[in-house]
């Protein structure tokens, strides 16, 4: 029974080391990248919103044009 417990303890230590050295830094990196993407997305949304407010007629025409093209491409 003592040998089994020792093996379990070794495995637990190996898992903890892997988590500390590999998994945690990878998760942190992914979270940082996701935060950057969200920030850039918000910045782009604000820029588009500003353009729409400056040129509402052009924004409507672009939206109509895109809707028309999508309708033509997606209809049988």
PDB file of N, CA and C in Angstrom:
ATOM      1  N   UNK A   1       0.828  -1.195   0.000  1.00  0.00           N
ATOM      2  CA  UNK A   1       0.000   0.000   0.000  1.00  0.00           C
ATOM      3  C   UNK A   1       0.865   1.249   0.000  1.00  0.00           C
ATOM      4  N   UNK A   2       2.001   1.209   0.673  1.00  0.00           N
ATOM      5  CA  UNK A   2       2.885   2.364   0.733  1.00  0.00           C
ATOM      6  C   UNK A   2       3.461   2.723  -0.629  1.00  0.00           C
ATOM      7  N   UNK A   3       3.758   1.717  -1.450  1.00  0.00           N
ATOM      8  CA  UNK A   3       4.295   1.954  -2.791  1.00  0.00           C
ATOM      9  C   UNK A   3       3.250   2.631  -3.667  1.00  0.00           C
ATOM     10  N   UNK A   4       2.010   2.207  -3.535  1.00  0.00           N
ATOM     11  CA  UNK A   4       0.924   2.817  -4.313  1.00  0.00           C
ATOM     12  C   UNK A   4       0.750   4.281  -3.932  1.00  0.00           C
ATOM     13  N   UNK A   5       0.782   4.561  -2.658  1.00  0.00           N
ATOM     14  CA  UNK A   5       0.630   5.949  -2.190  1.00  0.00           C
ATOM     15  C   UNK A   5       1.788   6.809  -2.687  1.00  0.00           C
ATOM     16  N   UNK A   6       2.983   6.248  -2.697  1.00  0.00           N
ATOM     17  CA  UNK A   6       4.145   6.985  -3.183  1.00  0.00           C
ATOM     18  C   UNK A   6       3.987   7.300  -4.672  1.00  0.00           C
ATOM     19  N   UNK A   7       3.500   6.336  -5.438  1.00  0.00           N
ATOM     20  CA  UNK A   7       3.288   6.560  -6.866  1.00  0.00           C
ATOM     21  C   UNK A   7       2.216   7.628  -7.105  1.00  0.00           C
ATOM     22  N   UNK A   8       1.175   7.591  -6.312  1.00  0.00           N
ATOM     23  CA  UNK A   8       0.113   8.604  -6.419  1.00  0.00           C
ATOM     24  C   UNK A   8       0.680   9.981  -6.117  1.00  0.00           C
ATOM     25  N   UNK A   9       1.491  10.085  -5.085  1.00  0.00           N
ATOM     26  CA  UNK A   9       2.101  11.364  -4.730  1.00  0.00           C
ATOM     27  C   UNK A   9       3.018  11.873  -5.849  1.00  0.00           C
ATOM     28  N   UNK A  10       3.784  10.954  -6.447  1.00  0.00           N
ATOM     29  CA  UNK A  10       4.658  11.358  -7.554  1.00  0.00           C
ATOM     30  C   UNK A  10       3.833  11.853  -8.735  1.00  0.00           C
ATOM     31  N   UNK A  11       2.781  11.152  -9.062  1.00  0.00           N
ATOM     32  CA  UNK A  11       1.915  11.578 -10.165  1.00  0.00           C
ATOM     33  C   UNK A  11       1.288  12.943  -9.882  1.00  0.00           C
ATOM     34  N   UNK A  12       0.854  13.128  -8.651  1.00  0.00           N
ATOM     35  CA  UNK A  12       0.256  14.410  -8.285  1.00  0.00           C
ATOM     36  C   UNK A  12       1.278  15.537  -8.430  1.00  0.00           C
ATOM     37  N   UNK A  13       2.499  15.300  -8.008  1.00  0.00           N
ATOM     38  CA  UNK A  13       3.555  16.303  -8.146  1.00  0.00           C
ATOM     39  C   UNK A  13       3.846  16.593  -9.613  1.00  0.00           C
ATOM     40  N   UNK A  14       3.834  15.547 -10.445  1.00  0.00           N
ATOM     41  CA  UNK A  14       4.073  15.750 -11.877  1.00  0.00           C
ATOM     42  C   UNK A  14       2.962  16.579 -12.503  1.00  0.00           C
ATOM     43  N   UNK A  15       1.722  16.289 -12.127  1.00  0.00           N
ATOM     44  CA  UNK A  15       0.585  17.047 -12.649  1.00  0.00           C
ATOM     45  C   UNK A  15       0.666  18.499 -12.194  1.00  0.00           C
ATOM     46  N   UNK A  16       0.992  18.725 -10.945  1.00  0.00           N
ATOM     47  CA  UNK A  16       1.117  20.090 -10.435  1.00  0.00           C
ATOM     48  C   UNK A  16       2.216  20.849 -11.163  1.00  0.00           C
ATOM     49  N   UNK A  17       3.329  20.178 -11.435  1.00  0.00           N
ATOM     50  CA  UNK A  17       4.434  20.813 -12.167  1.00  0.00           C
ATOM     51  C   UNK A  17       4.005  21.159 -13.583  1.00  0.00           C
ATOM     52  N   UNK A  18       3.334  20.231 -14.251  1.00  0.00           N
ATOM     53  CA  UNK A  18       2.850  20.503 -15.606  1.00  0.00           C
ATOM     54  C   UNK A  18       1.882  21.687 -15.622  1.00  0.00           C
ATOM     55  N   UNK A  19       0.989  21.717 -14.663  1.00  0.00           N
ATOM     56  CA  UNK A  19       0.036  22.826 -14.582  1.00  0.00           C
ATOM     57  C   UNK A  19       0.773  24.150 -14.378  1.00  0.00           C
ATOM     58  N   UNK A  20       1.703  24.170 -13.466  1.00  0.00           N
ATOM     59  CA  UNK A  20       2.418  25.392 -13.127  1.00  0.00           C
ATOM     60  C   UNK A  20       3.305  25.860 -14.277  1.00  0.00           C
ATOM     61  N   UNK A  21       3.969  24.932 -14.952  1.00  0.00           N
ATOM     62  CA  UNK A  21       4.950  25.318 -15.970  1.00  0.00           C
ATOM     63  C   UNK A  21       4.372  25.457 -17.367  1.00  0.00           C
ATOM     64  N   UNK A  22       3.285  24.768 -17.673  1.00  0.00           N
ATOM     65  CA  UNK A  22       2.792  24.765 -19.045  1.00  0.00           C
ATOM     66  C   UNK A  22       1.360  25.266 -19.182  1.00  0.00           C
ATOM     67  N   UNK A  23       0.460  24.704 -18.424  1.00  0.00           N
ATOM     68  CA  UNK A  23      -0.955  25.011 -18.606  1.00  0.00           C
ATOM     69  C   UNK A  23      -1.285  26.435 -18.166  1.00  0.00           C
ATOM     70  N   UNK A  24      -0.867  26.815 -16.987  1.00  0.00           N
ATOM     71  CA  UNK A  24      -1.188  28.143 -16.481  1.00  0.00           C
ATOM     72  C   UNK A  24      -0.632  29.249 -17.377  1.00  0.00           C
ATOM     73  N   UNK A  25       0.627  29.187 -17.813  1.00  0.00           N
ATOM     74  CA  UNK A  25       1.112  30.230 -18.733  1.00  0.00           C
ATOM     75  C   UNK A  25       0.351  30.244 -20.062  1.00  0.00           C
ATOM     76  N   UNK A  26      -0.026  29.075 -20.567  1.00  0.00           N
ATOM     77  CA  UNK A  26      -0.776  29.031 -21.829  1.00  0.00           C
ATOM     78  C   UNK A  26      -2.148  29.671 -21.665  1.00  0.00           C
ATOM     79  N   UNK A  27      -2.822  29.384 -20.578  1.00  0.00           N
ATOM     80  CA  UNK A  27      -4.137  29.970 -20.332  1.00  0.00           C
ATOM     81  C   UNK A  27      -4.018  31.484 -20.163  1.00  0.00           C
ATOM     82  N   UNK A  28      -2.998  31.926 -19.472  1.00  0.00           N
ATOM     83  CA  UNK A  28      -2.775  33.360 -19.295  1.00  0.00           C
ATOM     84  C   UNK A  28      -2.529  34.038 -20.635  1.00  0.00           C
ATOM     85  N   UNK A  29      -1.727  33.412 -21.481  1.00  0.00           N
ATOM     86  CA  UNK A  29      -1.452  33.961 -22.809  1.00  0.00           C
ATOM     87  C   UNK A  29      -2.729  34.057 -23.641  1.00  0.00           C
ATOM     88  N   UNK A  30      -3.545  33.012 -23.612  1.00  0.00           N
ATOM     89  CA  UNK A  30      -4.801  33.024 -24.365  1.00  0.00           C
ATOM     90  C   UNK A  30      -5.730  34.106 -23.835  1.00  0.00           C
ATOM     91  N   UNK A  31      -5.799  34.266 -22.534  1.00  0.00           N
ATOM     92  CA  UNK A  31      -6.652  35.305 -21.950  1.00  0.00           C
ATOM     93  C   UNK A  31      -6.175  36.690 -22.368  1.00  0.00           C
ATOM     94  N   UNK A  32      -4.866  36.906 -22.393  1.00  0.00           N
ATOM     95  CA  UNK A  32      -4.324  38.191 -22.828  1.00  0.00           C
ATOM     96  C   UNK A  32      -4.661  38.463 -24.288  1.00  0.00           C
ATOM     97  N   UNK A  33      -4.527  37.440 -25.120  1.00  0.00           N
ATOM     98  CA  UNK A  33      -4.855  37.606 -26.542  1.00  0.00           C
ATOM     99  C   UNK A  33      -6.334  37.898 -26.745  1.00  0.00           C
ATOM    100  N   UNK A  34      -7.179  37.197 -25.999  1.00  0.00           N
ATOM    101  CA  UNK A  34      -8.621  37.429 -26.101  1.00  0.00           C
ATOM    102  C   UNK A  34      -8.968  38.847 -25.679  1.00  0.00           C
ATOM    103  N   UNK A  35      -8.324  39.324 -24.644  1.00  0.00           N
ATOM    104  CA  UNK A  35      -8.563  40.697 -24.187  1.00  0.00           C
ATOM    105  C   UNK A  35      -8.162  41.705 -25.262  1.00  0.00           C
ATOM    106  N   UNK A  36      -7.053  41.452 -25.934  1.00  0.00           N
ATOM    107  CA  UNK A  36      -6.603  42.329 -27.011  1.00  0.00           C
ATOM    108  C   UNK A  36      -7.598  42.326 -28.165  1.00  0.00           C
ATOM    109  N   UNK A  37      -8.089  41.145 -28.520  1.00  0.00           N
ATOM    110  CA  UNK A  37      -9.060  41.047 -29.613  1.00  0.00           C
ATOM    111  C   UNK A  37     -10.344  41.802 -29.254  1.00  0.00           C
ATOM    112  N   UNK A  38     -10.815  41.640 -28.049  1.00  0.00           N
ATOM    113  CA  UNK A  38     -12.032  42.333 -27.616  1.00  0.00           C
ATOM    114  C   UNK A  38     -11.815  43.845 -27.644  1.00  0.00           C
ATOM    115  N   UNK A  39     -10.663  44.291 -27.159  1.00  0.00           N
ATOM    116  CA  UNK A  39     -10.374  45.725 -27.158  1.00  0.00           C
ATOM    117  C   UNK A  39     -10.355  46.274 -28.579  1.00  0.00           C
ATOM    118  N   UNK A  40      -9.685  45.559 -29.488  1.00  0.00           N
ATOM    119  CA  UNK A  40      -9.629  46.012 -30.882  1.00  0.00           C
ATOM    120  C   UNK A  40     -11.010  46.003 -31.525  1.00  0.00           C
ATOM    121  N   UNK A  41     -11.811  44.999 -31.189  1.00  0.00           N
ATOM    122  CA  UNK A  41     -13.179  44.938 -31.711  1.00  0.00           C
ATOM    123  C   UNK A  41     -13.999  46.132 -31.260  1.00  0.00           C
ATOM    124  N   UNK A  42     -13.856  46.486 -30.004  1.00  0.00           N
ATOM    125  CA  UNK A  42     -14.574  47.669 -29.497  1.00  0.00           C
ATOM    126  C   UNK A  42     -14.101  48.942 -30.191  1.00  0.00           C
ATOM    127  N   UNK A  43     -12.794  49.046 -30.390  1.00  0.00           N
ATOM    128  CA  UNK A  43     -12.260  50.226 -31.075  1.00  0.00           C
ATOM    129  C   UNK A  43     -12.808  50.320 -32.498  1.00  0.00           C
ATOM    130  N   UNK A  44     -12.861  49.188 -33.189  1.00  0.00           N
ATOM    131  CA  UNK A  44     -13.390  49.179 -34.554  1.00  0.00           C
ATOM    132  C   UNK A  44     -14.876  49.523 -34.565  1.00  0.00           C
ATOM    133  N   UNK A  45     -15.628  48.988 -33.602  1.00  0.00           N
ATOM    134  CA  UNK A  45     -17.057  49.296 -33.519  1.00  0.00           C
ATOM    135  C   UNK A  45     -17.272  50.785 -33.273  1.00  0.00           C
ATOM    136  N   UNK A  46     -16.450  51.378 -32.427  1.00  0.00           N
ATOM    137  CA  UNK A  46     -16.556  52.814 -32.176  1.00  0.00           C
ATOM    138  C   UNK A  46     -16.219  53.612 -33.430  1.00  0.00           C
ATOM    139  N   UNK A  47     -15.218  53.163 -34.180  1.00  0.00           N
ATOM    140  CA  UNK A  47     -14.836  53.862 -35.411  1.00  0.00           C
ATOM    141  C   UNK A  47     -15.960  53.783 -36.438  1.00  0.00           C
ATOM    142  N   UNK A  48     -16.561  52.602 -36.586  1.00  0.00           N
ATOM    143  CA  UNK A  48     -17.670  52.450 -37.534  1.00  0.00           C
ATOM    144  C   UNK A  48     -18.854  53.289 -37.079  1.00  0.00           C
ATOM    145  N   UNK A  49     -19.126  53.284 -35.796  1.00  0.00           N
ATOM    146  CA  UNK A  49     -20.225  54.086 -35.263  1.00  0.00           C
ATOM    147  C   UNK A  49     -20.008  55.565 -35.560  1.00  0.00           C
ATOM    148  N   UNK A  50     -18.784  56.024 -35.414  1.00  0.00           N
ATOM    149  CA  UNK A  50     -18.467  57.422 -35.726  1.00  0.00           C
ATOM    150  C   UNK A  50     -18.677  57.731 -37.191  1.00  0.00           C
ATOM    151  N   UNK A  51     -18.289  56.806 -38.060  1.00  0.00           N
ATOM    152  CA  UNK A  51     -18.490  57.008 -39.498  1.00  0.00           C
ATOM    153  C   UNK A  51     -19.979  57.059 -39.841  1.00  0.00           C
ATOM    154  N   UNK A  52     -20.763  56.197 -39.209  1.00  0.00           N
ATOM    155  CA  UNK A  52     -22.206  56.185 -39.467  1.00  0.00           C
ATOM    156  C   UNK A  52     -22.830  57.494 -39.006  1.00  0.00           C
ATOM    157  N   UNK A  53     -22.383  58.008 -37.882  1.00  0.00           N
ATOM    158  CA  UNK A  53     -22.929  59.272 -37.387  1.00  0.00           C
ATOM    159  C   UNK A  53     -22.521  60.439 -38.277  1.00  0.00           C
ATOM    160  N   UNK A  54     -21.317  60.377 -38.840  1.00  0.00           N
ATOM    161  CA  UNK A  54     -20.855  61.454 -39.714  1.00  0.00           C
ATOM    162  C   UNK A  54     -21.528  61.406 -41.083  1.00  0.00           C
ATOM    163  N   UNK A  55     -21.794  60.193 -41.579  1.00  0.00           N
ATOM    164  CA  UNK A  55     -22.361  60.024 -42.921  1.00  0.00           C
ATOM    165  C   UNK A  55     -23.508  59.018 -42.893  1.00  0.00           C
ATOM    166  N   UNK A  56     -24.636  59.398 -42.334  1.00  0.00           N
ATOM    167  CA  UNK A  56     -25.738  58.436 -42.201  1.00  0.00           C
ATOM    168  C   UNK A  56     -26.304  57.973 -43.551  1.00  0.00           C
ATOM    169  N   UNK A  57     -26.410  58.855 -44.519  1.00  0.00           N
ATOM    170  CA  UNK A  57     -26.956  58.473 -45.814  1.00  0.00           C
ATOM    171  C   UNK A  57     -26.055  57.437 -46.491  1.00  0.00           C
ATOM    172  N   UNK A  58     -24.777  57.671 -46.460  1.00  0.00           N
ATOM    173  CA  UNK A  58     -23.829  56.715 -47.043  1.00  0.00           C
ATOM    174  C   UNK A  58     -23.928  55.363 -46.335  1.00  0.00           C
ATOM    175  N   UNK A  59     -24.067  55.381 -45.020  1.00  0.00           N
ATOM    176  CA  UNK A  59     -24.192  54.131 -44.252  1.00  0.00           C
ATOM    177  C   UNK A  59     -25.442  53.363 -44.673  1.00  0.00           C
ATOM    178  N   UNK A  60     -26.537  54.079 -44.876  1.00  0.00           N
ATOM    179  CA  UNK A  60     -27.774  53.417 -45.317  1.00  0.00           C
ATOM    180  C   UNK A  60     -27.599  52.829 -46.709  1.00  0.00           C
ATOM    181  N   UNK A  61     -26.983  53.583 -47.613  1.00  0.00           N
ATOM    182  CA  UNK A  61     -26.761  53.088 -48.974  1.00  0.00           C
ATOM    183  C   UNK A  61     -25.857  51.848 -48.988  1.00  0.00           C
ATOM    184  N   UNK A  62     -24.820  51.865 -48.181  1.00  0.00           N
ATOM    185  CA  UNK A  62     -23.927  50.710 -48.096  1.00  0.00           C
ATOM    186  C   UNK A  62     -24.689  49.500 -47.553  1.00  0.00           C
ATOM    187  N   UNK A  63     -25.488  49.699 -46.519  1.00  0.00           N
ATOM    188  CA  UNK A  63     -26.258  48.596 -45.937  1.00  0.00           C
ATOM    189  C   UNK A  63     -27.254  48.031 -46.953  1.00  0.00           C
ATOM    190  N   UNK A  64     -27.916  48.905 -47.691  1.00  0.00           N
ATOM    191  CA  UNK A  64     -28.858  48.449 -48.723  1.00  0.00           C
ATOM    192  C   UNK A  64     -28.114  47.676 -49.801  1.00  0.00           C
ATOM    193  N   UNK A  65     -26.974  48.189 -50.232  1.00  0.00           N
ATOM    194  CA  UNK A  65     -26.191  47.516 -51.268  1.00  0.00           C
ATOM    195  C   UNK A  65     -25.727  46.138 -50.819  1.00  0.00           C
ATOM    196  N   UNK A  66     -25.250  46.042 -49.598  1.00  0.00           N
ATOM    197  CA  UNK A  66     -24.810  44.745 -49.080  1.00  0.00           C
ATOM    198  C   UNK A  66     -25.996  43.787 -48.969  1.00  0.00           C
ATOM    199  N   UNK A  67     -27.121  44.284 -48.496  1.00  0.00           N
ATOM    200  CA  UNK A  67     -28.318  43.446 -48.402  1.00  0.00           C
ATOM    201  C   UNK A  67     -28.764  42.947 -49.764  1.00  0.00           C
ATOM    202  N   UNK A  68     -28.722  43.819 -50.752  1.00  0.00           N
ATOM    203  CA  UNK A  68     -29.098  43.428 -52.117  1.00  0.00           C
ATOM    204  C   UNK A  68     -28.168  42.336 -52.642  1.00  0.00           C
ATOM    205  N   UNK A  69     -26.861  42.551 -52.489  1.00  0.00           N
ATOM    206  CA  UNK A  69     -25.892  41.564 -52.982  1.00  0.00           C
ATOM    207  C   UNK A  69     -26.048  40.222 -52.269  1.00  0.00           C
ATOM    208  N   UNK A  70     -26.228  40.259 -50.960  1.00  0.00           N
ATOM    209  CA  UNK A  70     -26.432  39.013 -50.218  1.00  0.00           C
ATOM    210  C   UNK A  70     -27.695  38.309 -50.686  1.00  0.00           C
ATOM    211  N   UNK A  71     -28.745  39.073 -50.915  1.00  0.00           N
ATOM    212  CA  UNK A  71     -29.987  38.492 -51.404  1.00  0.00           C
ATOM    213  C   UNK A  71     -29.818  37.837 -52.755  1.00  0.00           C
ATOM    214  N   UNK A  72     -29.056  38.478 -53.634  1.00  0.00           N
ATOM    215  CA  UNK A  72     -28.814  37.920 -54.978  1.00  0.00           C
ATOM    216  C   UNK A  72     -27.969  36.647 -54.897  1.00  0.00           C
ATOM    217  N   UNK A  73     -26.958  36.648 -54.050  1.00  0.00           N
ATOM    218  CA  UNK A  73     -26.082  35.482 -53.951  1.00  0.00           C
ATOM    219  C   UNK A  73     -26.729  34.306 -53.231  1.00  0.00           C
ATOM    220  N   UNK A  74     -27.565  34.590 -52.271  1.00  0.00           N
ATOM    221  CA  UNK A  74     -28.124  33.523 -51.443  1.00  0.00           C
ATOM    222  C   UNK A  74     -29.474  32.990 -51.948  1.00  0.00           C
ATOM    223  N   UNK A  75     -30.099  33.685 -52.876  1.00  0.00           N
ATOM    224  CA  UNK A  75     -31.393  33.193 -53.378  1.00  0.00           C
ATOM    225  C   UNK A  75     -31.153  32.168 -54.484  1.00  0.00           C
ATOM    226  N   UNK A  76     -32.032  31.161 -54.565  1.00  0.00           N
ATOM    227  CA  UNK A  76     -31.838  30.095 -55.557  1.00  0.00           C
ATOM    228  C   UNK A  76     -32.078  30.541 -56.986  1.00  0.00           C
TER     229      UNK A  76
END
